[in-house]
């Protein structure tokens, strides 16, 4: 078996991201990726079993990188609000800097390949779940299901980023901070 070449691996990843953005999943083959990456199809099979394995492993990489970006600088001494806002702002910034990742994630999650993915395999999912459970227990976060809290707190990031990329709204620093505050106010427990 030939050794894995990091440069060629990166070419496979970057080409796959680009092609999914342009064509979606249905119109992409291993040979199309190889041609665009200027490598042999056999090189792709050194790294991946097949097309689905490539796309699934790329999704896992994207989610792992997003998790790492969102959890940057987070530490246990932070209170619930500080940790939430740091994760929210980190998530927004990371996705703003990596729009191809966001597009890939959105498109992948609409495919049957998603059935093989477990959300709790990702550190961010587990951290946010634990943070929300702790917040509910400490009465700083509303007592709702974790899925509802996550949807209302974090899914607006995707909408706002899409609006930003489409030119509907310029998500400058003030808008980002305001959006984070709105997200926090949506899930925080009432002070009464």
Protein backbone atom coordinates (compact mmCIF):
# COMPACT_ATOMS: atom_id res chain seq x y z
CA UNK A 1 0.00 0.00 0.00
CA UNK A 2 1.31 3.44 -0.93
CA UNK A 3 1.85 5.98 1.86
CA UNK A 4 -0.67 8.79 2.30
CA UNK A 5 0.42 12.17 0.92
CA UNK A 6 -0.90 15.15 2.96
CA UNK A 7 -0.79 17.52 -0.02
CA UNK A 8 -2.91 15.17 -2.12
CA UNK A 9 -5.26 14.56 0.82
CA UNK A 10 -5.74 18.34 1.18
CA UNK A 11 -6.42 18.58 -2.56
CA UNK A 12 -9.12 15.90 -2.24
CA UNK A 13 -10.74 17.72 0.70
CA UNK A 14 -10.61 21.17 -0.88
CA UNK A 15 -11.84 19.93 -4.25
CA UNK A 16 -14.70 18.00 -2.62
CA UNK A 17 -15.78 21.10 -0.69
CA UNK A 18 -15.68 23.18 -3.87
CA UNK A 19 -17.58 20.64 -5.98
CA UNK A 20 -20.31 20.10 -3.35
CA UNK A 21 -20.75 23.87 -3.14
CA UNK A 22 -21.09 24.11 -6.93
CA UNK A 23 -22.92 20.88 -7.78
CA UNK A 24 -24.36 19.29 -4.65
CA UNK A 25 -23.73 15.63 -3.92
CA UNK A 26 -25.58 13.89 -6.74
CA UNK A 27 -23.40 15.13 -9.60
CA UNK A 28 -20.03 14.30 -8.05
CA UNK A 29 -18.05 11.15 -8.71
CA UNK A 30 -14.62 10.00 -7.54
CA UNK A 31 -13.32 10.51 -11.08
CA UNK A 32 -14.67 14.09 -11.15
CA UNK A 33 -12.99 14.87 -7.82
CA UNK A 34 -9.73 13.31 -9.03
CA UNK A 35 -9.79 15.25 -12.30
CA UNK A 36 -10.48 18.57 -10.55
CA UNK A 37 -7.80 17.86 -7.89
CA UNK A 38 -5.35 16.85 -10.63
CA UNK A 39 -4.67 13.46 -9.06
CA UNK A 40 -5.39 9.85 -9.91
CA UNK A 41 -8.67 8.26 -8.72
CA UNK A 42 -6.49 5.56 -7.13
CA UNK A 43 -5.02 8.24 -4.86
CA UNK A 44 -8.48 8.96 -3.46
CA UNK A 45 -8.92 5.25 -2.66
CA UNK A 46 -5.74 5.35 -0.57
CA UNK A 47 -7.57 7.73 1.78
CA UNK A 48 -11.21 6.67 1.41
CA UNK A 49 -13.11 3.43 0.74
CA UNK A 50 -15.61 5.03 -1.64
CA UNK A 51 -17.52 8.21 -2.41
CA UNK A 52 -19.81 7.92 0.63
CA UNK A 53 -16.84 7.29 2.93
CA UNK A 54 -15.15 10.42 1.53
CA UNK A 55 -18.23 12.59 2.04
CA UNK A 56 -18.95 11.21 5.52
CA UNK A 57 -15.36 11.62 6.71
CA UNK A 58 -15.31 15.12 5.27
CA UNK A 59 -18.50 15.92 7.19
CA UNK A 60 -16.89 14.61 10.39
CA UNK A 61 -13.81 16.75 9.73
CA UNK A 62 -15.97 19.83 9.09
CA UNK A 63 -17.99 19.28 12.30
CA UNK A 64 -14.84 18.59 14.35
CA UNK A 65 -13.15 21.74 13.05
CA UNK A 66 -16.33 23.74 13.76
CA UNK A 67 -16.42 22.31 17.29
CA UNK A 68 -12.80 23.20 17.91
CA UNK A 69 -13.40 26.72 16.61
CA UNK A 70 -16.49 27.20 18.78
CA UNK A 71 -14.81 25.92 21.95
CA UNK A 72 -11.66 28.02 21.54
CA UNK A 73 -10.83 29.69 24.86
CA UNK A 74 -13.72 28.08 26.76
CA UNK A 75 -12.84 27.05 30.31
CA UNK A 76 -14.63 25.61 33.32
CA UNK A 77 -14.40 28.80 35.39
CA UNK A 78 -16.83 30.58 33.05
CA UNK A 79 -20.39 30.96 34.24
CA UNK A 80 -23.26 29.76 32.03
CA UNK A 81 -23.82 33.11 30.31
CA UNK A 82 -20.11 33.71 29.65
CA UNK A 83 -19.64 30.23 28.22
CA UNK A 84 -22.77 30.45 26.06
CA UNK A 85 -21.82 33.83 24.62
CA UNK A 86 -18.23 32.78 23.98
CA UNK A 87 -19.41 29.63 22.15
CA UNK A 88 -22.00 31.61 20.18
CA UNK A 89 -19.53 34.30 19.11
CA UNK A 90 -16.81 31.73 18.34
CA UNK A 91 -19.28 29.71 16.25
CA UNK A 92 -20.34 32.75 14.31
CA UNK A 93 -16.77 33.90 13.69
CA UNK A 94 -15.54 30.45 12.71
CA UNK A 95 -18.35 29.95 10.20
CA UNK A 96 -17.91 33.48 8.87
CA UNK A 97 -14.28 32.61 8.12
CA UNK A 98 -15.16 29.14 6.68
CA UNK A 99 -18.25 29.58 4.49
CA UNK A 100 -17.47 26.42 2.47
CA UNK A 101 -17.69 24.39 5.68
CA UNK A 102 -21.09 25.83 6.47
CA UNK A 103 -22.38 25.11 2.96
CA UNK A 104 -21.01 21.57 3.07
CA UNK A 105 -22.58 20.89 6.45
CA UNK A 106 -25.99 22.19 5.38
CA UNK A 107 -25.99 20.14 2.18
CA UNK A 108 -24.70 16.97 3.84
CA UNK A 109 -27.36 17.13 6.55
CA UNK A 110 -30.04 16.93 3.81
CA UNK A 111 -28.72 13.58 2.54
CA UNK A 112 -29.36 9.98 3.64
CA UNK A 113 -25.67 9.81 4.62
CA UNK A 114 -26.65 11.75 7.73
CA UNK A 115 -28.28 8.58 9.10
CA UNK A 116 -24.79 7.27 9.93
CA UNK A 117 -23.87 10.32 12.02
CA UNK A 118 -24.32 10.55 15.79
CA UNK A 119 -24.43 14.11 17.12
CA UNK A 120 -22.88 13.07 20.42
CA UNK A 121 -19.70 12.15 18.52
CA UNK A 122 -18.92 15.87 18.42
CA UNK A 123 -17.41 17.70 21.37
CA UNK A 124 -19.41 20.89 20.80
CA UNK A 125 -22.72 19.02 20.90
CA UNK A 126 -21.78 17.37 24.18
CA UNK A 127 -20.43 20.58 25.70
CA UNK A 128 -23.55 22.60 24.80
CA UNK A 129 -25.83 19.81 26.05
CA UNK A 130 -24.00 19.74 29.39
CA UNK A 131 -23.96 23.54 29.59
CA UNK A 132 -27.72 23.75 28.98
CA UNK A 133 -28.44 20.95 31.49
CA UNK A 134 -26.33 22.76 34.07
CA UNK A 135 -28.07 26.05 33.24
CA UNK A 136 -31.50 24.47 33.68
CA UNK A 137 -30.45 22.94 37.00
CA UNK A 138 -29.08 26.30 38.20
CA UNK A 139 -32.20 28.13 36.90
CA UNK A 140 -30.18 30.38 34.57
CA UNK A 141 -31.59 28.75 31.42
CA UNK A 142 -35.26 28.06 30.69
CA UNK A 143 -36.42 24.54 31.45
CA UNK A 144 -37.09 23.33 27.89
CA UNK A 145 -35.79 20.40 25.91
CA UNK A 146 -32.14 20.65 24.90
CA UNK A 147 -33.17 20.32 21.23
CA UNK A 148 -35.48 23.35 21.44
CA UNK A 149 -32.91 25.42 23.30
CA UNK A 150 -30.23 24.52 20.75
CA UNK A 151 -32.51 25.33 17.82
CA UNK A 152 -33.47 28.75 19.12
CA UNK A 153 -29.98 29.61 20.37
CA UNK A 154 -27.69 28.40 17.59
CA UNK A 155 -29.63 27.78 14.37
CA UNK A 156 -30.11 31.55 13.80
CA UNK A 157 -26.33 31.69 13.24
CA UNK A 158 -26.84 29.81 9.96
CA UNK A 159 -29.63 32.14 8.83
CA UNK A 160 -27.68 35.26 9.74
CA UNK A 161 -24.56 34.00 7.96
CA UNK A 162 -26.59 33.17 4.86
CA UNK A 163 -28.11 36.68 4.97
CA UNK A 164 -24.61 38.12 5.33
CA UNK A 165 -23.18 36.12 2.41
CA UNK A 166 -26.19 37.03 0.24
CA UNK A 167 -25.82 40.75 1.06
CA UNK A 168 -29.16 41.00 2.90
CA UNK A 169 -27.46 42.31 6.05
CA UNK A 170 -23.88 43.19 6.85
CA UNK A 171 -23.07 41.27 10.01
CA UNK A 172 -20.55 43.70 11.41
CA UNK A 173 -19.28 43.52 14.99
CA UNK A 174 -22.29 45.43 16.39
CA UNK A 175 -24.81 43.16 14.63
CA UNK A 176 -22.95 40.04 15.74
CA UNK A 177 -22.90 41.19 19.37
CA UNK A 178 -26.58 42.17 19.20
CA UNK A 179 -27.52 38.80 17.68
CA UNK A 180 -25.61 36.96 20.41
CA UNK A 181 -27.47 38.96 23.07
CA UNK A 182 -30.81 38.13 21.42
CA UNK A 183 -29.88 34.43 21.38
CA UNK A 184 -28.97 34.54 25.07
CA UNK A 185 -32.18 36.39 25.98
CA UNK A 186 -34.18 33.75 24.11
CA UNK A 187 -32.96 30.90 26.33
CA UNK A 188 -32.11 32.54 29.63
CA UNK A 189 -34.46 32.02 32.53
CA UNK A 190 -36.62 34.97 33.50
CA UNK A 191 -35.28 37.01 36.38
CA UNK A 192 -38.62 37.06 38.24
